[in-house]
Amino acid sequence: MSVKASLPSIRFGLVWFVKTNIIFDNCDTPKEHIHPIIVEKYISRFLKYGTLLSTYALIGSVLLQIFARFFLANTPSWTEEASRLFFIYATSFAAGLALKNKYYVHLDLFFDRLSERAKKIILVLIPVLILSLFVLLSIFSIQFILLGHQEFSPSMKTRMSLAFCSMFIMGASISYFAFLDLKKAIKNSRL
């Protein structure tokens, strides 16, 4: 799929994003109003349970592989690939939560030496760059998922689109929390 073919989907995504933001900010009636805190709560809960389930499945598949190596004649061939898939999903689900809870590493050594104006600019610029990168990742991961729907994994015989969905989950969740950080940074900075 070319970039020109993906432009309508980008346009649709931007229109949807603006409309949902208007719904969040400018609703008068309680029926139409979807509070952003409730949306954030459900997204966070989805990511938390996805991280937990993926991590438990990763532990289970590794334990099964260890058990099979010591006590069975043949080890299942799919456990290594399943472990990889569960690790990828655990990382993808947890990435957005890490951004939300500010678990990523910050280099305060350089940041503290900057002027107040430069600090305010950087605090706005970082979420803008993160948001733009991961919105692009989310958009183009959809094309990747569609391409992977035709391929199958070697040992588990599942569609590769299942593995590629993790890219969309990571991109969309980081984009959402980067947008919230950007709104907060713009509100807090008076450039």
C-alpha atoms as a PDB file:
ATOM      1  CA  MET A   1       0.000   0.000   0.000  1.00  0.00           C
ATOM      2  CA  SER A   2       1.388   3.395  -0.909  1.00  0.00           C
ATOM      3  CA  VAL A   3       1.473   6.552   1.145  1.00  0.00           C
ATOM      4  CA  LYS A   4      -1.194   8.111  -1.111  1.00  0.00           C
ATOM      5  CA  ALA A   5      -3.515   5.204  -0.405  1.00  0.00           C
ATOM      6  CA  SER A   6      -3.088   5.684   3.339  1.00  0.00           C
ATOM      7  CA  LEU A   7      -3.847   9.437   3.273  1.00  0.00           C
ATOM      8  CA  PRO A   8      -7.650   8.950   3.479  1.00  0.00           C
ATOM      9  CA  SER A   9      -7.192   6.809   6.586  1.00  0.00           C
ATOM     10  CA  ILE A  10      -4.935   9.490   8.104  1.00  0.00           C
ATOM     11  CA  ARG A  11      -7.541  12.136   7.277  1.00  0.00           C
ATOM     12  CA  PHE A  12     -10.307   9.990   8.811  1.00  0.00           C
ATOM     13  CA  GLY A  13      -8.213   9.467  11.940  1.00  0.00           C
ATOM     14  CA  LEU A  14      -7.586  13.200  12.337  1.00  0.00           C
ATOM     15  CA  VAL A  15     -11.263  14.044  11.818  1.00  0.00           C
ATOM     16  CA  TRP A  16     -12.279  11.399  14.355  1.00  0.00           C
ATOM     17  CA  PHE A  17      -9.683  12.671  16.804  1.00  0.00           C
ATOM     18  CA  VAL A  18     -10.908  16.273  16.521  1.00  0.00           C
ATOM     19  CA  LYS A  19     -14.554  15.216  16.880  1.00  0.00           C
ATOM     20  CA  THR A  20     -13.906  13.108  19.952  1.00  0.00           C
ATOM     21  CA  ASN A  21     -11.891  15.918  21.481  1.00  0.00           C
ATOM     22  CA  ILE A  22     -14.812  18.291  20.874  1.00  0.00           C
ATOM     23  CA  ILE A  23     -17.145  15.765  22.495  1.00  0.00           C
ATOM     24  CA  PHE A  24     -14.861  15.611  25.525  1.00  0.00           C
ATOM     25  CA  ASP A  25     -14.502  19.367  25.929  1.00  0.00           C
ATOM     26  CA  ASN A  26     -17.676  21.058  24.694  1.00  0.00           C
ATOM     27  CA  CYS A  27     -20.700  18.935  25.632  1.00  0.00           C
ATOM     28  CA  ASP A  28     -23.624  20.411  27.456  1.00  0.00           C
ATOM     29  CA  THR A  29     -25.842  17.403  27.912  1.00  0.00           C
ATOM     30  CA  PRO A  30     -24.792  14.533  30.175  1.00  0.00           C
ATOM     31  CA  LYS A  31     -25.943  11.918  27.617  1.00  0.00           C
ATOM     32  CA  GLU A  32     -23.384  13.012  25.032  1.00  0.00           C
ATOM     33  CA  HIS A  33     -20.604  13.663  27.498  1.00  0.00           C
ATOM     34  CA  ILE A  34     -17.961  10.964  27.797  1.00  0.00           C
ATOM     35  CA  HIS A  35     -15.611  12.075  30.494  1.00  0.00           C
ATOM     36  CA  PRO A  36     -11.912  11.701  29.561  1.00  0.00           C
ATOM     37  CA  ILE A  37     -11.061  10.365  33.014  1.00  0.00           C
ATOM     38  CA  ILE A  38     -13.453   7.446  32.487  1.00  0.00           C
ATOM     39  CA  VAL A  39     -11.934   6.730  29.072  1.00  0.00           C
ATOM     40  CA  GLU A  40      -8.437   6.879  30.554  1.00  0.00           C
ATOM     41  CA  LYS A  41      -9.514   4.532  33.345  1.00  0.00           C
ATOM     42  CA  TYR A  42     -10.832   1.920  30.913  1.00  0.00           C
ATOM     43  CA  ILE A  43      -7.804   2.185  28.622  1.00  0.00           C
ATOM     44  CA  SER A  44      -5.477   1.848  31.608  1.00  0.00           C
ATOM     45  CA  ARG A  45      -7.416  -1.136  32.902  1.00  0.00           C
ATOM     46  CA  PHE A  46      -7.323  -2.810  29.466  1.00  0.00           C
ATOM     47  CA  LEU A  47      -3.553  -2.276  29.241  1.00  0.00           C
ATOM     48  CA  LYS A  48      -2.984  -3.462  32.808  1.00  0.00           C
ATOM     49  CA  TYR A  49      -4.929  -6.694  32.325  1.00  0.00           C
ATOM     50  CA  GLY A  50      -3.290  -7.232  28.930  1.00  0.00           C
ATOM     51  CA  THR A  51       0.132  -6.859  30.538  1.00  0.00           C
ATOM     52  CA  LEU A  52      -0.749  -9.235  33.362  1.00  0.00           C
ATOM     53  CA  LEU A  53      -2.271 -11.901  31.101  1.00  0.00           C
ATOM     54  CA  SER A  54       0.618 -11.732  28.645  1.00  0.00           C
ATOM     55  CA  THR A  55       3.163 -11.978  31.443  1.00  0.00           C
ATOM     56  CA  TYR A  56       1.369 -14.928  33.064  1.00  0.00           C
ATOM     57  CA  ALA A  57       1.140 -16.661  29.686  1.00  0.00           C
ATOM     58  CA  LEU A  58       4.858 -16.010  29.124  1.00  0.00           C
ATOM     59  CA  ILE A  59       5.702 -17.554  32.493  1.00  0.00           C
ATOM     60  CA  GLY A  60       3.409 -20.505  31.778  1.00  0.00           C
ATOM     61  CA  SER A  61       4.913 -21.237  28.378  1.00  0.00           C
ATOM     62  CA  VAL A  62       8.464 -21.012  29.742  1.00  0.00           C
ATOM     63  CA  LEU A  63       7.591 -23.320  32.632  1.00  0.00           C
ATOM     64  CA  LEU A  64       5.986 -25.758  30.193  1.00  0.00           C
ATOM     65  CA  GLN A  65       9.123 -25.702  28.079  1.00  0.00           C
ATOM     66  CA  ILE A  66      11.341 -26.344  31.115  1.00  0.00           C
ATOM     67  CA  PHE A  67       9.081 -29.151  32.305  1.00  0.00           C
ATOM     68  CA  ALA A  68       9.027 -30.743  28.851  1.00  0.00           C
ATOM     69  CA  ARG A  69      12.816 -30.622  28.532  1.00  0.00           C
ATOM     70  CA  PHE A  70      13.373 -32.424  31.809  1.00  0.00           C
ATOM     71  CA  PHE A  71      10.444 -34.819  32.053  1.00  0.00           C
ATOM     72  CA  LEU A  72       9.084 -35.491  28.549  1.00  0.00           C
ATOM     73  CA  ALA A  73      10.642 -37.274  25.601  1.00  0.00           C
ATOM     74  CA  ASN A  74       9.880 -34.429  23.164  1.00  0.00           C
ATOM     75  CA  THR A  75       9.454 -30.744  23.885  1.00  0.00           C
ATOM     76  CA  PRO A  76       6.562 -28.935  22.194  1.00  0.00           C
ATOM     77  CA  SER A  77       7.897 -26.975  19.250  1.00  0.00           C
ATOM     78  CA  TRP A  78       5.538 -24.052  19.723  1.00  0.00           C
ATOM     79  CA  THR A  79       6.587 -23.002  23.248  1.00  0.00           C
ATOM     80  CA  GLU A  80       9.552 -20.896  22.148  1.00  0.00           C
ATOM     81  CA  GLU A  81       7.498 -18.998  19.595  1.00  0.00           C
ATOM     82  CA  ALA A  82       4.627 -18.583  22.054  1.00  0.00           C
ATOM     83  CA  SER A  83       7.027 -17.207  24.657  1.00  0.00           C
ATOM     84  CA  ARG A  84       8.310 -14.678  22.150  1.00  0.00           C
ATOM     85  CA  LEU A  85       4.780 -13.636  21.232  1.00  0.00           C
ATOM     86  CA  PHE A  86       3.711 -13.263  24.867  1.00  0.00           C
ATOM     87  CA  PHE A  87       6.835 -11.221  25.627  1.00  0.00           C
ATOM     88  CA  ILE A  88       6.096  -8.896  22.709  1.00  0.00           C
ATOM     89  CA  TYR A  89       2.506  -8.435  23.868  1.00  0.00           C
ATOM     90  CA  ALA A  90       3.509  -7.854  27.501  1.00  0.00           C
ATOM     91  CA  THR A  91       5.901  -5.138  26.337  1.00  0.00           C
ATOM     92  CA  SER A  92       3.313  -3.599  24.014  1.00  0.00           C
ATOM     93  CA  PHE A  93       0.623  -3.444  26.676  1.00  0.00           C
ATOM     94  CA  ALA A  94       3.022  -2.055  29.280  1.00  0.00           C
ATOM     95  CA  ALA A  95       4.545   0.667  27.068  1.00  0.00           C
ATOM     96  CA  GLY A  96       1.548   2.997  27.298  1.00  0.00           C
ATOM     97  CA  LEU A  97       1.257   2.470  31.038  1.00  0.00           C
ATOM     98  CA  ALA A  98       4.949   3.281  31.447  1.00  0.00           C
ATOM     99  CA  LEU A  99       4.434   6.595  29.649  1.00  0.00           C
ATOM    100  CA  LYS A 100       1.330   7.358  31.720  1.00  0.00           C
ATOM    101  CA  ASN A 101       3.084   6.673  35.019  1.00  0.00           C
ATOM    102  CA  LYS A 102       6.370   8.324  33.924  1.00  0.00           C
ATOM    103  CA  TYR A 103       8.471   5.165  34.297  1.00  0.00           C
ATOM    104  CA  TYR A 104      10.802   6.009  31.422  1.00  0.00           C
ATOM    105  CA  VAL A 105      14.294   7.290  32.146  1.00  0.00           C
ATOM    106  CA  HIS A 106      14.848  11.061  32.225  1.00  0.00           C
ATOM    107  CA  LEU A 107      18.233  12.754  31.960  1.00  0.00           C
ATOM    108  CA  ASP A 108      17.893  15.513  34.533  1.00  0.00           C
ATOM    109  CA  LEU A 109      21.605  16.313  34.433  1.00  0.00           C
ATOM    110  CA  PHE A 110      21.229  18.241  31.155  1.00  0.00           C
ATOM    111  CA  PHE A 111      17.659  19.378  31.731  1.00  0.00           C
ATOM    112  CA  ASP A 112      18.444  21.121  35.024  1.00  0.00           C
ATOM    113  CA  ARG A 113      21.138  23.260  33.385  1.00  0.00           C
ATOM    114  CA  LEU A 114      18.719  24.791  30.857  1.00  0.00           C
ATOM    115  CA  SER A 115      16.925  28.102  31.220  1.00  0.00           C
ATOM    116  CA  GLU A 116      13.274  28.140  32.285  1.00  0.00           C
ATOM    117  CA  ARG A 117      12.115  29.034  28.774  1.00  0.00           C
ATOM    118  CA  ALA A 118      14.123  26.170  27.242  1.00  0.00           C
ATOM    119  CA  LYS A 119      12.699  23.775  29.839  1.00  0.00           C
ATOM    120  CA  LYS A 120       9.148  24.810  28.936  1.00  0.00           C
ATOM    121  CA  ILE A 121       9.864  24.364  25.226  1.00  0.00           C
ATOM    122  CA  ILE A 122      11.362  20.919  25.775  1.00  0.00           C
ATOM    123  CA  LEU A 123       8.466  19.856  27.999  1.00  0.00           C
ATOM    124  CA  VAL A 124       6.100  20.654  25.108  1.00  0.00           C
ATOM    125  CA  LEU A 125       8.375  19.392  22.336  1.00  0.00           C
ATOM    126  CA  ILE A 126       8.938  15.911  23.796  1.00  0.00           C
ATOM    127  CA  PRO A 127       5.231  14.915  23.834  1.00  0.00           C
ATOM    128  CA  VAL A 128       4.808  16.388  20.330  1.00  0.00           C
ATOM    129  CA  LEU A 129       7.641  14.224  18.991  1.00  0.00           C
ATOM    130  CA  ILE A 130       6.415  11.124  20.841  1.00  0.00           C
ATOM    131  CA  LEU A 131       2.862  11.689  19.626  1.00  0.00           C
ATOM    132  CA  SER A 132       3.873  12.205  16.003  1.00  0.00           C
ATOM    133  CA  LEU A 133       6.132   9.143  15.982  1.00  0.00           C
ATOM    134  CA  PHE A 134       3.609   6.784  17.524  1.00  0.00           C
ATOM    135  CA  VAL A 135       0.631   8.090  15.526  1.00  0.00           C
ATOM    136  CA  LEU A 136       2.629   7.244  12.403  1.00  0.00           C
ATOM    137  CA  LEU A 137       3.488   3.845  13.882  1.00  0.00           C
ATOM    138  CA  SER A 138      -0.190   3.185  14.614  1.00  0.00           C
ATOM    139  CA  ILE A 139      -1.322   4.184  11.130  1.00  0.00           C
ATOM    140  CA  PHE A 140       1.267   2.153   9.275  1.00  0.00           C
ATOM    141  CA  SER A 141       0.962  -0.814  11.623  1.00  0.00           C
ATOM    142  CA  ILE A 142      -2.566  -1.303  10.290  1.00  0.00           C
ATOM    143  CA  GLN A 143      -1.097  -1.872   6.824  1.00  0.00           C
ATOM    144  CA  PHE A 144       1.438  -4.246   8.358  1.00  0.00           C
ATOM    145  CA  ILE A 145      -1.348  -6.183  10.106  1.00  0.00           C
ATOM    146  CA  LEU A 146      -3.226  -6.522   6.820  1.00  0.00           C
ATOM    147  CA  LEU A 147      -0.098  -7.822   5.088  1.00  0.00           C
ATOM    148  CA  GLY A 148       0.549 -10.267   7.927  1.00  0.00           C
ATOM    149  CA  HIS A 149      -2.945 -11.708   7.630  1.00  0.00           C
ATOM    150  CA  GLN A 150      -1.794 -13.737   4.629  1.00  0.00           C
ATOM    151  CA  GLU A 151       1.248 -15.254   6.384  1.00  0.00           C
ATOM    152  CA  PHE A 152       1.387 -17.969   9.039  1.00  0.00           C
ATOM    153  CA  SER A 153       3.881 -18.487  11.847  1.00  0.00           C
ATOM    154  CA  PRO A 154       6.192 -21.489  11.396  1.00  0.00           C
ATOM    155  CA  SER A 155       5.476 -23.544  14.511  1.00  0.00           C
ATOM    156  CA  MET A 156       2.175 -22.264  15.937  1.00  0.00           C
ATOM    157  CA  LYS A 157       0.472 -21.963  12.521  1.00  0.00           C
ATOM    158  CA  THR A 158      -1.322 -18.758  13.548  1.00  0.00           C
ATOM    159  CA  ARG A 159      -1.663 -15.745  11.315  1.00  0.00           C
ATOM    160  CA  MET A 160       1.188 -13.287  11.632  1.00  0.00           C
ATOM    161  CA  SER A 161      -1.345 -10.478  11.911  1.00  0.00           C
ATOM    162  CA  LEU A 162      -1.876 -11.688  15.481  1.00  0.00           C
ATOM    163  CA  ALA A 163       1.754 -10.904  16.276  1.00  0.00           C
ATOM    164  CA  PHE A 164       1.669  -7.623  14.357  1.00  0.00           C
ATOM    165  CA  CYS A 165      -1.365  -6.338  16.311  1.00  0.00           C
ATOM    166  CA  SER A 166       1.008  -5.693  19.184  1.00  0.00           C
ATOM    167  CA  MET A 167       2.532  -2.823  17.190  1.00  0.00           C
ATOM    168  CA  PHE A 168      -0.857  -1.135  16.924  1.00  0.00           C
ATOM    169  CA  ILE A 169      -1.596  -1.640  20.623  1.00  0.00           C
ATOM    170  CA  MET A 170       1.736  -0.086  21.581  1.00  0.00           C
ATOM    171  CA  GLY A 171       1.440   2.789  19.107  1.00  0.00           C
ATOM    172  CA  ALA A 172      -2.154   3.638  20.004  1.00  0.00           C
ATOM    173  CA  SER A 173      -1.632   3.479  23.759  1.00  0.00           C
ATOM    174  CA  ILE A 174       1.535   5.565  23.703  1.00  0.00           C
ATOM    175  CA  SER A 175      -0.165   8.057  21.352  1.00  0.00           C
ATOM    176  CA  TYR A 176      -3.108   8.399  23.713  1.00  0.00           C
ATOM    177  CA  PHE A 177      -0.992   9.018  26.803  1.00  0.00           C
ATOM    178  CA  ALA A 178       1.407  11.286  24.864  1.00  0.00           C
ATOM    179  CA  PHE A 179      -1.610  13.361  23.813  1.00  0.00           C
ATOM    180  CA  LEU A 180      -2.683  13.669  27.452  1.00  0.00           C
ATOM    181  CA  ASP A 181       0.876  14.688  28.384  1.00  0.00           C
ATOM    182  CA  LEU A 182       0.884  17.239  25.571  1.00  0.00           C
ATOM    183  CA  LYS A 183      -2.379  18.782  26.765  1.00  0.00           C
ATOM    184  CA  LYS A 184      -0.989  18.989  30.289  1.00  0.00           C
ATOM    185  CA  ALA A 185       2.332  20.451  29.085  1.00  0.00           C
ATOM    186  CA  ILE A 186       0.598  23.112  26.986  1.00  0.00           C
ATOM    187  CA  LYS A 187      -1.671  24.011  29.894  1.00  0.00           C
ATOM    188  CA  ASN A 188       1.298  24.283  32.293  1.00  0.00           C
ATOM    189  CA  SER A 189       3.574  26.267  29.986  1.00  0.00           C
ATOM    190  CA  ARG A 190       3.127  29.940  29.295  1.00  0.00           C
ATOM    191  CA  LEU A 191       5.586  30.499  26.438  1.00  0.00           C
END
